[in-house]
Amino acid sequence: MVKESSGVPREVAMAETLAGFQERGAAHRNCAQSVLYFSLRSLGHDPGSIVAARYLGGGMVRLGHLCGVLSGAALALGFRDMNAEEGEEVDAVAVTAQMQSIVHDFEEEFGATDCRTLTGHDLTTRDGYRAFAASDARPRCARYVEWACDRVGEII
């Protein structure tokens, strides 16, 4: 389902998304929050709801499981459905197939879907997180965010 959006232009949403992902400290948005932010801004919804994705970053509370951009993508589609206009039909079967395609394509493109493999770091420890932050993994994660936003943007 593709429809006109009342949100900000896709390029603006993407620039804001990547800037927030690159931020340090309290202004930082994790990977899942970033994909949800992109979707909410693109759809014209309040981006304050990104708090719902707070614990999905780092592969689910930094445990290294499913990459947060994929969790964020699924959450973004759920928020889109939740905010559908009254009477608007959402084809959940078709969207499920699209989300499955995103996960399969992500794995094909990047070689894995789990955060620990993608980053090469154990984010459950302070030392592991510091090593991640100082490594080349962080720019790779920005690429994952951008990729997921592009794919979700095609659906929303």
N, C-alpha and C. Protein backbone atom coordinates (compact mmCIF):
# COMPACT_ATOMS: atom_id res chain seq x y z
N MET A 1 0.85 -1.17 0.00
CA MET A 1 0.00 0.00 0.00
C MET A 1 0.89 1.23 0.00
N VAL A 2 0.79 2.03 -1.02
CA VAL A 2 1.54 3.27 -1.10
C VAL A 2 0.53 4.40 -1.26
N LYS A 3 0.63 5.39 -0.40
CA LYS A 3 -0.29 6.52 -0.51
C LYS A 3 0.46 7.80 -0.28
N GLU A 4 -0.17 8.88 -0.65
CA GLU A 4 0.45 10.19 -0.45
C GLU A 4 0.58 10.46 1.05
N SER A 5 1.64 11.08 1.42
CA SER A 5 1.92 11.37 2.82
C SER A 5 1.72 12.85 3.09
N SER A 6 1.31 13.14 4.31
CA SER A 6 1.20 14.54 4.73
C SER A 6 2.41 14.93 5.56
N GLY A 7 3.41 14.07 5.58
CA GLY A 7 4.61 14.32 6.36
C GLY A 7 5.63 15.14 5.61
N VAL A 8 6.82 15.20 6.17
CA VAL A 8 7.91 15.94 5.54
C VAL A 8 8.42 15.14 4.35
N PRO A 9 9.07 15.81 3.39
CA PRO A 9 9.63 15.07 2.25
C PRO A 9 10.61 14.01 2.72
N ARG A 10 10.67 12.93 1.97
CA ARG A 10 11.50 11.79 2.32
C ARG A 10 12.96 12.18 2.56
N GLU A 11 13.49 13.10 1.74
CA GLU A 11 14.89 13.51 1.89
C GLU A 11 15.12 14.22 3.22
N VAL A 12 14.14 15.03 3.63
CA VAL A 12 14.24 15.74 4.91
C VAL A 12 14.17 14.74 6.06
N ALA A 13 13.22 13.81 5.98
CA ALA A 13 13.09 12.79 7.02
C ALA A 13 14.37 11.97 7.13
N MET A 14 14.98 11.64 5.99
CA MET A 14 16.20 10.84 6.00
C MET A 14 17.35 11.63 6.62
N ALA A 15 17.50 12.89 6.24
CA ALA A 15 18.57 13.72 6.80
C ALA A 15 18.42 13.86 8.31
N GLU A 16 17.20 14.11 8.77
CA GLU A 16 16.95 14.22 10.22
C GLU A 16 17.23 12.89 10.92
N THR A 17 16.83 11.81 10.28
CA THR A 17 17.02 10.48 10.86
C THR A 17 18.49 10.17 11.05
N LEU A 18 19.27 10.37 10.01
CA LEU A 18 20.70 10.06 10.09
C LEU A 18 21.42 10.99 11.07
N ALA A 19 20.99 12.25 11.12
CA ALA A 19 21.59 13.18 12.08
C ALA A 19 21.32 12.73 13.51
N GLY A 20 20.12 12.31 13.79
CA GLY A 20 19.78 11.84 15.14
C GLY A 20 20.49 10.56 15.51
N PHE A 21 20.72 9.70 14.52
CA PHE A 21 21.46 8.47 14.78
C PHE A 21 22.91 8.78 15.11
N GLN A 22 23.48 9.78 14.44
CA GLN A 22 24.88 10.15 14.65
C GLN A 22 25.11 10.93 15.95
N GLU A 23 24.05 11.51 16.50
CA GLU A 23 24.18 12.28 17.74
C GLU A 23 24.76 11.42 18.85
N ARG A 24 25.40 12.07 19.78
CA ARG A 24 25.92 11.40 20.98
C ARG A 24 25.09 11.86 22.17
N GLY A 25 25.11 11.09 23.20
CA GLY A 25 24.42 11.49 24.43
C GLY A 25 22.91 11.37 24.34
N ALA A 26 22.22 12.23 25.08
CA ALA A 26 20.76 12.15 25.22
C ALA A 26 20.01 12.36 23.91
N ALA A 27 20.59 13.07 22.96
CA ALA A 27 19.92 13.34 21.69
C ALA A 27 20.03 12.18 20.70
N HIS A 28 20.86 11.18 21.02
CA HIS A 28 21.06 10.03 20.13
C HIS A 28 19.78 9.20 20.02
N ARG A 29 19.48 8.79 18.79
CA ARG A 29 18.40 7.84 18.56
C ARG A 29 19.05 6.53 18.12
N ASN A 30 18.68 5.43 18.78
CA ASN A 30 19.25 4.15 18.39
C ASN A 30 18.73 3.74 17.01
N CYS A 31 19.20 2.62 16.52
CA CYS A 31 18.86 2.18 15.17
C CYS A 31 17.36 1.95 15.00
N ALA A 32 16.72 1.30 15.95
CA ALA A 32 15.27 1.05 15.86
C ALA A 32 14.50 2.35 15.95
N GLN A 33 14.88 3.21 16.87
CA GLN A 33 14.22 4.51 17.00
C GLN A 33 14.38 5.32 15.72
N SER A 34 15.53 5.20 15.09
CA SER A 34 15.80 5.98 13.88
C SER A 34 14.86 5.59 12.74
N VAL A 35 14.66 4.29 12.55
CA VAL A 35 13.76 3.84 11.48
C VAL A 35 12.32 4.25 11.81
N LEU A 36 11.93 4.13 13.07
CA LEU A 36 10.59 4.56 13.46
C LEU A 36 10.45 6.07 13.29
N TYR A 37 11.47 6.83 13.68
CA TYR A 37 11.44 8.29 13.51
C TYR A 37 11.23 8.65 12.04
N PHE A 38 12.00 8.03 11.15
CA PHE A 38 11.86 8.29 9.72
C PHE A 38 10.42 8.07 9.27
N SER A 39 9.85 6.98 9.68
CA SER A 39 8.49 6.64 9.27
C SER A 39 7.47 7.62 9.81
N LEU A 40 7.59 7.94 11.09
CA LEU A 40 6.64 8.88 11.69
C LEU A 40 6.73 10.25 11.03
N ARG A 41 7.93 10.74 10.79
CA ARG A 41 8.10 12.05 10.13
C ARG A 41 7.57 12.00 8.71
N SER A 42 7.84 10.90 8.01
CA SER A 42 7.37 10.76 6.63
C SER A 42 5.85 10.73 6.54
N LEU A 43 5.22 10.17 7.57
CA LEU A 43 3.76 10.05 7.59
C LEU A 43 3.08 11.27 8.20
N GLY A 44 3.86 12.18 8.78
CA GLY A 44 3.27 13.36 9.40
C GLY A 44 2.75 13.12 10.80
N HIS A 45 3.29 12.09 11.47
CA HIS A 45 2.88 11.79 12.84
C HIS A 45 3.92 12.32 13.84
N ASP A 46 3.51 12.44 15.08
CA ASP A 46 4.38 12.92 16.14
C ASP A 46 5.55 11.95 16.34
N PRO A 47 6.79 12.41 16.16
CA PRO A 47 7.93 11.51 16.33
C PRO A 47 8.23 11.18 17.79
N GLY A 48 7.49 11.77 18.72
CA GLY A 48 7.71 11.47 20.13
C GLY A 48 7.46 10.02 20.48
N SER A 49 6.75 9.32 19.60
CA SER A 49 6.45 7.91 19.86
C SER A 49 7.66 7.00 19.71
N ILE A 50 8.80 7.56 19.30
CA ILE A 50 9.99 6.71 19.14
C ILE A 50 10.45 6.10 20.45
N VAL A 51 9.97 6.62 21.55
CA VAL A 51 10.32 6.03 22.83
C VAL A 51 9.91 4.56 22.87
N ALA A 52 8.90 4.18 22.07
CA ALA A 52 8.46 2.79 22.01
C ALA A 52 9.56 1.86 21.50
N ALA A 53 10.54 2.40 20.81
CA ALA A 53 11.64 1.59 20.26
C ALA A 53 12.91 1.68 21.09
N ARG A 54 12.84 2.31 22.23
CA ARG A 54 14.02 2.56 23.07
C ARG A 54 14.82 1.29 23.36
N TYR A 55 14.16 0.19 23.61
CA TYR A 55 14.85 -1.02 24.05
C TYR A 55 15.09 -2.03 22.92
N LEU A 56 14.90 -1.60 21.69
CA LEU A 56 15.11 -2.50 20.56
C LEU A 56 16.49 -2.34 19.94
N GLY A 57 17.22 -1.30 20.30
CA GLY A 57 18.54 -1.07 19.73
C GLY A 57 19.56 -2.09 20.20
N GLY A 58 20.57 -2.27 19.39
CA GLY A 58 21.64 -3.21 19.75
C GLY A 58 21.18 -4.65 19.69
N GLY A 59 20.16 -4.93 18.91
CA GLY A 59 19.68 -6.29 18.80
C GLY A 59 18.88 -6.71 20.02
N MET A 60 17.95 -5.87 20.43
CA MET A 60 17.07 -6.09 21.58
C MET A 60 17.88 -5.91 22.87
N VAL A 61 17.74 -4.76 23.45
CA VAL A 61 18.43 -4.35 24.68
C VAL A 61 19.92 -4.71 24.68
N ARG A 62 20.55 -4.44 23.53
CA ARG A 62 21.99 -4.65 23.33
C ARG A 62 22.44 -6.10 23.49
N LEU A 63 21.52 -7.06 23.32
CA LEU A 63 21.89 -8.47 23.44
C LEU A 63 22.45 -9.05 22.15
N GLY A 64 22.39 -8.27 21.06
CA GLY A 64 22.97 -8.72 19.81
C GLY A 64 22.06 -9.56 18.94
N HIS A 65 20.78 -9.62 19.26
CA HIS A 65 19.84 -10.42 18.47
C HIS A 65 19.46 -9.67 17.19
N LEU A 66 18.22 -9.79 16.74
CA LEU A 66 17.79 -9.17 15.48
C LEU A 66 18.16 -7.70 15.44
N CYS A 67 18.79 -7.29 14.35
CA CYS A 67 19.23 -5.90 14.18
C CYS A 67 18.07 -4.95 14.45
N GLY A 68 18.34 -3.91 15.18
CA GLY A 68 17.32 -2.94 15.55
C GLY A 68 16.65 -2.26 14.37
N VAL A 69 17.35 -2.13 13.24
CA VAL A 69 16.69 -1.50 12.10
C VAL A 69 15.54 -2.36 11.59
N LEU A 70 15.68 -3.67 11.72
CA LEU A 70 14.60 -4.57 11.29
C LEU A 70 13.45 -4.55 12.30
N SER A 71 13.78 -4.54 13.58
CA SER A 71 12.74 -4.40 14.60
C SER A 71 12.03 -3.06 14.45
N GLY A 72 12.81 -2.01 14.21
CA GLY A 72 12.24 -0.68 14.01
C GLY A 72 11.35 -0.61 12.79
N ALA A 73 11.74 -1.34 11.72
CA ALA A 73 10.93 -1.36 10.50
C ALA A 73 9.57 -2.01 10.78
N ALA A 74 9.58 -3.13 11.49
CA ALA A 74 8.32 -3.80 11.82
C ALA A 74 7.46 -2.90 12.70
N LEU A 75 8.08 -2.25 13.66
CA LEU A 75 7.34 -1.35 14.54
C LEU A 75 6.79 -0.16 13.75
N ALA A 76 7.56 0.35 12.81
CA ALA A 76 7.10 1.47 11.98
C ALA A 76 5.86 1.09 11.19
N LEU A 77 5.84 -0.12 10.64
CA LEU A 77 4.66 -0.55 9.89
C LEU A 77 3.46 -0.72 10.82
N GLY A 78 3.70 -1.19 12.03
CA GLY A 78 2.63 -1.30 13.01
C GLY A 78 2.06 0.07 13.39
N PHE A 79 2.94 1.05 13.57
CA PHE A 79 2.48 2.41 13.86
C PHE A 79 1.70 2.98 12.69
N ARG A 80 2.18 2.71 11.47
CA ARG A 80 1.46 3.16 10.29
C ARG A 80 0.05 2.56 10.28
N ASP A 81 -0.05 1.26 10.54
CA ASP A 81 -1.36 0.60 10.56
C ASP A 81 -2.24 1.15 11.68
N MET A 82 -1.64 1.36 12.85
CA MET A 82 -2.38 1.87 14.00
C MET A 82 -2.98 3.25 13.72
N ASN A 83 -2.29 4.01 12.90
CA ASN A 83 -2.74 5.37 12.59
C ASN A 83 -3.46 5.47 11.25
N ALA A 84 -3.86 4.33 10.72
CA ALA A 84 -4.60 4.35 9.44
C ALA A 84 -5.91 5.12 9.64
N GLU A 85 -6.30 5.80 8.60
CA GLU A 85 -7.54 6.56 8.66
C GLU A 85 -8.71 5.60 8.79
N GLU A 86 -9.74 6.05 9.46
CA GLU A 86 -10.92 5.21 9.64
C GLU A 86 -11.45 4.76 8.29
N GLY A 87 -11.72 3.47 8.20
CA GLY A 87 -12.23 2.91 6.96
C GLY A 87 -11.14 2.45 6.01
N GLU A 88 -9.89 2.83 6.28
CA GLU A 88 -8.78 2.43 5.43
C GLU A 88 -8.43 0.97 5.74
N GLU A 89 -8.43 0.15 4.73
CA GLU A 89 -8.10 -1.26 4.89
C GLU A 89 -6.59 -1.45 4.83
N VAL A 90 -6.06 -2.22 5.75
CA VAL A 90 -4.65 -2.57 5.75
C VAL A 90 -4.57 -4.05 5.42
N ASP A 91 -3.86 -4.37 4.36
CA ASP A 91 -3.70 -5.76 3.95
C ASP A 91 -2.52 -6.35 4.72
N ALA A 92 -2.82 -6.88 5.92
CA ALA A 92 -1.77 -7.38 6.80
C ALA A 92 -1.00 -8.54 6.17
N VAL A 93 -1.64 -9.34 5.34
CA VAL A 93 -0.95 -10.44 4.69
C VAL A 93 0.10 -9.89 3.72
N ALA A 94 -0.28 -8.90 2.94
CA ALA A 94 0.66 -8.30 1.99
C ALA A 94 1.81 -7.59 2.71
N VAL A 95 1.49 -6.88 3.78
CA VAL A 95 2.53 -6.16 4.53
C VAL A 95 3.47 -7.15 5.21
N THR A 96 2.92 -8.25 5.71
CA THR A 96 3.77 -9.29 6.30
C THR A 96 4.75 -9.83 5.26
N ALA A 97 4.27 -10.07 4.06
CA ALA A 97 5.14 -10.54 2.98
C ALA A 97 6.20 -9.49 2.65
N GLN A 98 5.82 -8.22 2.64
CA GLN A 98 6.79 -7.15 2.38
C GLN A 98 7.85 -7.09 3.47
N MET A 99 7.43 -7.24 4.73
CA MET A 99 8.38 -7.20 5.84
C MET A 99 9.30 -8.42 5.78
N GLN A 100 8.77 -9.57 5.42
CA GLN A 100 9.61 -10.76 5.26
C GLN A 100 10.65 -10.53 4.16
N SER A 101 10.23 -9.89 3.09
CA SER A 101 11.15 -9.57 2.00
C SER A 101 12.25 -8.63 2.46
N ILE A 102 11.89 -7.66 3.28
CA ILE A 102 12.89 -6.74 3.82
C ILE A 102 13.93 -7.51 4.63
N VAL A 103 13.48 -8.40 5.49
CA VAL A 103 14.42 -9.17 6.33
C VAL A 103 15.31 -10.04 5.45
N HIS A 104 14.73 -10.74 4.48
CA HIS A 104 15.52 -11.60 3.60
C HIS A 104 16.52 -10.78 2.78
N ASP A 105 16.06 -9.65 2.24
CA ASP A 105 16.94 -8.80 1.44
C ASP A 105 18.07 -8.20 2.28
N PHE A 106 17.75 -7.84 3.51
CA PHE A 106 18.77 -7.30 4.42
C PHE A 106 19.87 -8.34 4.63
N GLU A 107 19.45 -9.55 4.91
CA GLU A 107 20.43 -10.62 5.14
C GLU A 107 21.27 -10.87 3.88
N GLU A 108 20.65 -10.84 2.72
CA GLU A 108 21.38 -11.03 1.48
C GLU A 108 22.37 -9.89 1.24
N GLU A 109 21.93 -8.67 1.53
CA GLU A 109 22.77 -7.49 1.31
C GLU A 109 23.94 -7.40 2.29
N PHE A 110 23.67 -7.70 3.56
CA PHE A 110 24.68 -7.45 4.60
C PHE A 110 25.26 -8.71 5.25
N GLY A 111 24.73 -9.89 4.88
CA GLY A 111 25.32 -11.13 5.35
C GLY A 111 24.80 -11.67 6.66
N ALA A 112 23.94 -10.95 7.34
CA ALA A 112 23.39 -11.40 8.62
C ALA A 112 22.22 -10.51 8.99
N THR A 113 21.46 -10.93 9.99
CA THR A 113 20.39 -10.09 10.52
C THR A 113 20.57 -9.82 12.01
N ASP A 114 21.57 -10.44 12.63
CA ASP A 114 21.77 -10.23 14.06
C ASP A 114 22.84 -9.17 14.30
N CYS A 115 22.58 -8.36 15.29
CA CYS A 115 23.43 -7.22 15.61
C CYS A 115 24.86 -7.63 15.95
N ARG A 116 25.01 -8.69 16.69
CA ARG A 116 26.36 -9.08 17.11
C ARG A 116 27.24 -9.41 15.90
N THR A 117 26.68 -10.11 14.93
CA THR A 117 27.45 -10.44 13.72
C THR A 117 27.69 -9.18 12.89
N LEU A 118 26.66 -8.36 12.74
CA LEU A 118 26.77 -7.16 11.92
C LEU A 118 27.77 -6.16 12.48
N THR A 119 27.81 -6.02 13.81
CA THR A 119 28.72 -5.04 14.41
C THR A 119 30.06 -5.66 14.78
N GLY A 120 30.06 -6.96 15.07
CA GLY A 120 31.27 -7.61 15.53
C GLY A 120 31.61 -7.31 16.98
N HIS A 121 30.61 -6.82 17.72
CA HIS A 121 30.87 -6.43 19.11
C HIS A 121 29.79 -6.93 20.06
N ASP A 122 30.20 -7.19 21.29
CA ASP A 122 29.28 -7.54 22.37
C ASP A 122 28.88 -6.23 23.04
N LEU A 123 27.67 -5.82 22.83
CA LEU A 123 27.21 -4.53 23.35
C LEU A 123 26.64 -4.62 24.77
N THR A 124 26.70 -5.80 25.37
CA THR A 124 26.15 -5.95 26.72
C THR A 124 27.08 -5.42 27.80
N THR A 125 28.34 -5.19 27.45
CA THR A 125 29.29 -4.67 28.44
C THR A 125 29.69 -3.25 28.07
N ARG A 126 30.10 -2.50 29.06
CA ARG A 126 30.57 -1.14 28.82
C ARG A 126 31.78 -1.14 27.89
N ASP A 127 32.72 -2.07 28.12
CA ASP A 127 33.91 -2.15 27.27
C ASP A 127 33.54 -2.53 25.84
N GLY A 128 32.61 -3.45 25.68
CA GLY A 128 32.16 -3.85 24.35
C GLY A 128 31.50 -2.70 23.62
N TYR A 129 30.69 -1.93 24.35
CA TYR A 129 30.03 -0.79 23.72
C TYR A 129 31.05 0.28 23.33
N ARG A 130 32.02 0.52 24.18
CA ARG A 130 33.07 1.50 23.86
C ARG A 130 33.86 1.06 22.63
N ALA A 131 34.16 -0.24 22.55
CA ALA A 131 34.89 -0.76 21.39
C ALA A 131 34.04 -0.57 20.12
N PHE A 132 32.75 -0.82 20.23
CA PHE A 132 31.84 -0.61 19.11
C PHE A 132 31.86 0.85 18.67
N ALA A 133 31.73 1.76 19.63
CA ALA A 133 31.66 3.19 19.32
C ALA A 133 32.94 3.68 18.65
N ALA A 134 34.06 3.07 18.97
CA ALA A 134 35.34 3.50 18.40
C ALA A 134 35.68 2.78 17.10
N SER A 135 34.86 1.83 16.70
CA SER A 135 35.18 1.00 15.54
C SER A 135 34.53 1.53 14.26
N ASP A 136 34.75 0.79 13.19
CA ASP A 136 34.10 1.13 11.93
C ASP A 136 32.68 0.58 11.86
N ALA A 137 32.22 -0.05 12.92
CA ALA A 137 30.86 -0.61 12.93
C ALA A 137 29.80 0.49 12.96
N ARG A 138 30.05 1.56 13.66
CA ARG A 138 29.06 2.63 13.78
C ARG A 138 28.67 3.20 12.41
N PRO A 139 29.63 3.51 11.52
CA PRO A 139 29.24 3.96 10.18
C PRO A 139 28.48 2.88 9.39
N ARG A 140 28.83 1.62 9.61
CA ARG A 140 28.08 0.54 8.94
C ARG A 140 26.64 0.55 9.43
N CYS A 141 26.44 0.78 10.71
CA CYS A 141 25.09 0.81 11.27
C CYS A 141 24.29 1.97 10.66
N ALA A 142 24.93 3.08 10.40
CA ALA A 142 24.24 4.20 9.74
C ALA A 142 23.77 3.77 8.36
N ARG A 143 24.57 2.97 7.69
CA ARG A 143 24.17 2.44 6.37
C ARG A 143 22.96 1.52 6.52
N TYR A 144 22.92 0.70 7.57
CA TYR A 144 21.78 -0.18 7.81
C TYR A 144 20.51 0.65 8.05
N VAL A 145 20.65 1.72 8.82
CA VAL A 145 19.51 2.61 9.09
C VAL A 145 18.99 3.19 7.77
N GLU A 146 19.89 3.70 6.96
CA GLU A 146 19.49 4.31 5.69
C GLU A 146 18.81 3.28 4.78
N TRP A 147 19.38 2.09 4.71
CA TRP A 147 18.82 1.03 3.89
C TRP A 147 17.40 0.69 4.34
N ALA A 148 17.22 0.50 5.65
CA ALA A 148 15.90 0.13 6.18
C ALA A 148 14.89 1.26 5.95
N CYS A 149 15.31 2.49 6.13
CA CYS A 149 14.41 3.62 5.89
C CYS A 149 13.97 3.66 4.43
N ASP A 150 14.90 3.42 3.52
CA ASP A 150 14.55 3.39 2.10
C ASP A 150 13.49 2.32 1.84
N ARG A 151 13.68 1.15 2.40
CA ARG A 151 12.74 0.05 2.16
C ARG A 151 11.39 0.32 2.81
N VAL A 152 11.39 0.78 4.04
CA VAL A 152 10.13 1.10 4.71
C VAL A 152 9.43 2.24 3.99
N GLY A 153 10.21 3.21 3.52
CA GLY A 153 9.64 4.33 2.79
C GLY A 153 8.88 3.90 1.54
N GLU A 154 9.29 2.80 0.93
CA GLU A 154 8.59 2.28 -0.23
C GLU A 154 7.22 1.73 0.13
N ILE A 155 7.07 1.28 1.36
CA ILE A 155 5.81 0.67 1.80
C ILE A 155 4.85 1.69 2.38
N ILE A 156 5.38 2.62 3.15
CA ILE A 156 4.47 3.57 3.81
C ILE A 156 4.03 4.66 2.86
